[in-house]
């Protein structure tokens, strides 16, 4: 697969797509597979609020200095990587259970190219007054519907795994594409990049 031209990417390598029928059965029963993610979800919800406050602080750094300190970016990237691994496991793009925090060895990986400085002070100001989220609303609207579709597709994927033992390759690419779009949109909102995300499921 060609390397992404956008500074934020999400990848999960294609393997033989063999998946656990036991986990698929849990997914089929009212998404009970999600119960195994409760520790992650609980912590990620708390992290979600904290990281958005940190991102808001980062906007002030950009407004004043033209760039953010490393610790702000580290907190943002940890959230992005962690939530990406949870998504990958829930959608069966990998059966490797997500780890907490960072994990460079997990199959689901997010790459973020550091934004060149100075970053846009105008976009940082829009982030401070919360207008940056509004500018991302076209993406968020589309992603809302794609997320609904992902829940349906995930359930269908569990069914296919139960029957055939494998996740269809088309579903793998769909799930990776949806989360890649989500990751790029969130990264732009959080100020990890000033490059507006493209409207695409592809790399």
Protein backbone atom coordinates (compact mmCIF):
# COMPACT_ATOMS: atom_id res chain seq x y z
CA UNK A 1 0.00 0.00 0.00
CA UNK A 2 1.31 3.44 -0.93
CA UNK A 3 2.44 5.70 1.88
CA UNK A 4 -0.12 8.31 2.87
CA UNK A 5 0.46 11.88 1.71
CA UNK A 6 -1.60 13.20 4.65
CA UNK A 7 0.35 13.76 7.90
CA UNK A 8 -1.96 11.49 9.93
CA UNK A 9 -2.55 7.86 9.01
CA UNK A 10 -4.07 4.72 10.54
CA UNK A 11 -3.07 1.25 9.41
CA UNK A 12 -3.75 -2.35 10.34
CA UNK A 13 -1.75 -4.84 8.23
CA UNK A 14 -3.72 -7.36 6.21
CA UNK A 15 -3.02 -10.88 7.42
CA UNK A 16 -4.87 -14.15 6.73
CA UNK A 17 -7.89 -12.47 8.37
CA UNK A 18 -8.48 -15.55 10.53
CA UNK A 19 -10.40 -14.44 13.59
CA UNK A 20 -11.62 -16.01 16.82
CA UNK A 21 -15.09 -17.54 16.51
CA UNK A 22 -15.47 -17.17 20.26
CA UNK A 23 -15.01 -13.40 20.11
CA UNK A 24 -17.27 -13.23 17.07
CA UNK A 25 -20.00 -15.05 19.00
CA UNK A 26 -19.71 -12.49 21.79
CA UNK A 27 -20.05 -9.74 19.20
CA UNK A 28 -23.17 -11.28 17.71
CA UNK A 29 -24.93 -11.40 21.09
CA UNK A 30 -25.88 -7.74 21.49
CA UNK A 31 -22.26 -6.66 20.94
CA UNK A 32 -21.28 -8.37 24.19
CA UNK A 33 -17.69 -8.27 22.91
CA UNK A 34 -17.78 -4.61 23.93
CA UNK A 35 -18.09 -5.65 27.58
CA UNK A 36 -14.48 -6.79 27.45
CA UNK A 37 -13.55 -3.22 26.54
CA UNK A 38 -15.15 -1.64 29.64
CA UNK A 39 -11.79 -0.89 31.36
CA UNK A 40 -10.58 0.86 28.21
CA UNK A 41 -13.83 2.74 27.65
CA UNK A 42 -13.96 3.96 31.26
CA UNK A 43 -10.41 5.30 31.11
CA UNK A 44 -10.74 6.69 27.58
CA UNK A 45 -13.84 8.69 28.52
CA UNK A 46 -11.89 10.36 31.32
CA UNK A 47 -8.90 10.83 29.02
CA UNK A 48 -11.20 12.31 26.36
CA UNK A 49 -12.15 15.25 28.56
CA UNK A 50 -8.61 15.73 29.82
CA UNK A 51 -7.01 15.64 26.38
CA UNK A 52 -9.45 18.19 24.98
CA UNK A 53 -8.53 20.59 27.76
CA UNK A 54 -4.87 19.92 26.99
CA UNK A 55 -5.53 20.56 23.29
CA UNK A 56 -7.13 23.87 24.25
CA UNK A 57 -3.97 24.77 26.15
CA UNK A 58 -2.03 23.79 23.04
CA UNK A 59 -3.96 26.34 20.99
CA UNK A 60 -2.72 29.06 23.34
CA UNK A 61 0.87 27.90 22.90
CA UNK A 62 0.45 28.06 19.10
CA UNK A 63 -1.18 31.48 19.31
CA UNK A 64 1.67 32.87 21.40
CA UNK A 65 4.70 30.88 20.25
CA UNK A 66 3.69 29.36 16.90
CA UNK A 67 4.01 25.78 18.13
CA UNK A 68 3.12 23.37 20.91
CA UNK A 69 5.40 21.76 23.52
CA UNK A 70 6.06 18.06 23.10
CA UNK A 71 4.04 17.09 26.17
CA UNK A 72 0.83 18.45 24.61
CA UNK A 73 1.35 16.46 21.42
CA UNK A 74 2.28 13.35 23.41
CA UNK A 75 -1.01 13.43 25.34
CA UNK A 76 -2.96 13.90 22.09
CA UNK A 77 -1.16 11.12 20.24
CA UNK A 78 -1.55 8.68 23.14
CA UNK A 79 -5.33 9.23 23.05
CA UNK A 80 -5.38 8.76 19.28
CA UNK A 81 -3.31 5.57 19.37
CA UNK A 82 -5.17 4.06 22.32
CA UNK A 83 -8.66 4.70 20.92
CA UNK A 84 -7.51 3.37 17.53
CA UNK A 85 -6.44 0.04 19.02
CA UNK A 86 -9.80 -0.27 20.80
CA UNK A 87 -11.64 0.40 17.52
CA UNK A 88 -9.51 -2.14 15.64
CA UNK A 89 -10.20 -4.88 18.15
CA UNK A 90 -13.94 -4.15 18.35
CA UNK A 91 -14.28 -4.31 14.56
CA UNK A 92 -12.12 -7.46 14.32
CA UNK A 93 -9.52 -5.89 12.06
CA UNK A 94 -7.23 -7.55 14.59
CA UNK A 95 -7.76 -10.06 17.39
CA UNK A 96 -4.86 -8.62 19.38
CA UNK A 97 -6.47 -7.12 22.48
CA UNK A 98 -5.73 -3.39 22.84
CA UNK A 99 -3.10 -2.31 25.32
CA UNK A 100 -3.37 0.70 27.59
CA UNK A 101 -1.48 3.85 26.65
CA UNK A 102 1.08 3.36 23.89
CA UNK A 103 2.21 0.19 22.15
CA UNK A 104 4.50 0.24 19.13
CA UNK A 105 4.18 -3.53 18.63
CA UNK A 106 0.37 -3.66 18.28
CA UNK A 107 -0.90 -4.33 14.72
CA UNK A 108 -3.13 -1.21 14.76
CA UNK A 109 -0.89 1.83 14.44
CA UNK A 110 -1.36 5.58 14.04
CA UNK A 111 1.38 7.68 12.49
CA UNK A 112 1.50 11.45 12.93
CA UNK A 113 4.03 13.60 11.10
CA UNK A 114 4.97 16.55 13.28
CA UNK A 115 3.41 19.78 12.04
CA UNK A 116 5.95 22.29 10.73
CA UNK A 117 6.31 25.46 12.76
CA UNK A 118 5.04 28.06 12.91
CA UNK A 119 1.57 26.56 12.97
CA UNK A 120 -1.39 28.71 12.00
CA UNK A 121 -2.17 31.20 14.75
CA UNK A 122 -5.50 31.90 13.10
CA UNK A 123 -6.55 28.24 13.33
CA UNK A 124 -5.30 28.17 16.93
CA UNK A 125 -7.49 31.17 17.74
CA UNK A 126 -10.45 29.38 16.14
CA UNK A 127 -9.65 26.41 18.36
CA UNK A 128 -9.62 28.59 21.46
CA UNK A 129 -13.11 29.94 20.71
CA UNK A 130 -14.31 26.44 19.65
CA UNK A 131 -15.00 27.44 16.04
CA UNK A 132 -12.49 24.89 14.79
CA UNK A 133 -14.93 22.13 15.72
CA UNK A 134 -17.62 23.84 13.66
CA UNK A 135 -15.31 23.90 10.65
CA UNK A 136 -14.95 20.14 11.01
CA UNK A 137 -18.74 19.63 11.16
CA UNK A 138 -19.05 18.41 7.52
CA UNK A 139 -16.65 15.60 8.40
CA UNK A 140 -18.37 14.89 11.70
CA UNK A 141 -21.75 14.66 9.98
CA UNK A 142 -20.50 12.13 7.43
CA UNK A 143 -18.57 10.22 10.08
CA UNK A 144 -21.65 9.95 12.26
CA UNK A 145 -23.42 8.02 9.52
CA UNK A 146 -20.32 5.99 8.72
CA UNK A 147 -20.13 5.03 12.38
CA UNK A 148 -23.71 3.78 12.29
CA UNK A 149 -22.78 1.81 9.19
CA UNK A 150 -19.70 0.50 11.00
CA UNK A 151 -21.84 -0.97 13.78
CA UNK A 152 -23.94 -2.82 11.22
CA UNK A 153 -20.85 -3.91 9.28
CA UNK A 154 -19.11 -5.05 12.49
CA UNK A 155 -22.07 -7.29 13.35
CA UNK A 156 -22.03 -8.69 9.81
CA UNK A 157 -18.29 -9.25 10.17
CA UNK A 158 -18.85 -11.23 13.37
CA UNK A 159 -21.36 -13.39 11.48
CA UNK A 160 -18.89 -14.02 8.65
CA UNK A 161 -16.19 -14.93 11.16
CA UNK A 162 -18.52 -17.34 12.92
CA UNK A 163 -19.36 -19.03 9.59
CA UNK A 164 -16.03 -18.90 7.77
CA UNK A 165 -13.50 -18.14 10.47
CA UNK A 166 -12.26 -15.08 8.59
CA UNK A 167 -13.08 -11.38 8.26
CA UNK A 168 -13.85 -10.42 4.64
CA UNK A 169 -11.08 -8.28 3.20
CA UNK A 170 -13.56 -5.65 2.03
CA UNK A 171 -14.72 -5.14 5.60
CA UNK A 172 -11.13 -4.85 6.80
CA UNK A 173 -10.47 -2.00 4.37
CA UNK A 174 -13.78 -0.34 5.23
CA UNK A 175 -13.11 -0.35 8.97
CA UNK A 176 -9.56 0.91 8.55
CA UNK A 177 -10.79 3.63 6.18
CA UNK A 178 -13.51 4.82 8.53
CA UNK A 179 -11.19 5.08 11.48
CA UNK A 180 -8.47 6.70 9.40
CA UNK A 181 -11.01 9.40 8.54
CA UNK A 182 -11.96 9.76 12.19
CA UNK A 183 -8.30 9.95 13.26
CA UNK A 184 -7.50 12.64 10.73
CA UNK A 185 -10.53 14.71 11.64
CA UNK A 186 -9.82 14.52 15.35
CA UNK A 187 -6.13 15.27 14.80
CA UNK A 188 -7.06 18.41 12.88
CA UNK A 189 -9.50 19.51 15.58
CA UNK A 190 -6.85 18.92 18.25
CA UNK A 191 -4.24 20.92 16.34
CA UNK A 192 -1.90 18.03 15.58
CA UNK A 193 -1.94 19.24 11.98
CA UNK A 194 -3.12 22.36 10.17
CA UNK A 195 -3.85 20.44 6.98
CA UNK A 196 -7.61 20.06 6.62
CA UNK A 197 -8.54 16.35 6.35
CA UNK A 198 -9.68 14.94 3.01
CA UNK A 199 -13.14 13.47 2.47
CA UNK A 200 -12.05 9.91 1.76
CA UNK A 201 -11.84 6.41 3.21
CA UNK A 202 -8.64 5.81 1.28
CA UNK A 203 -5.09 6.54 2.26
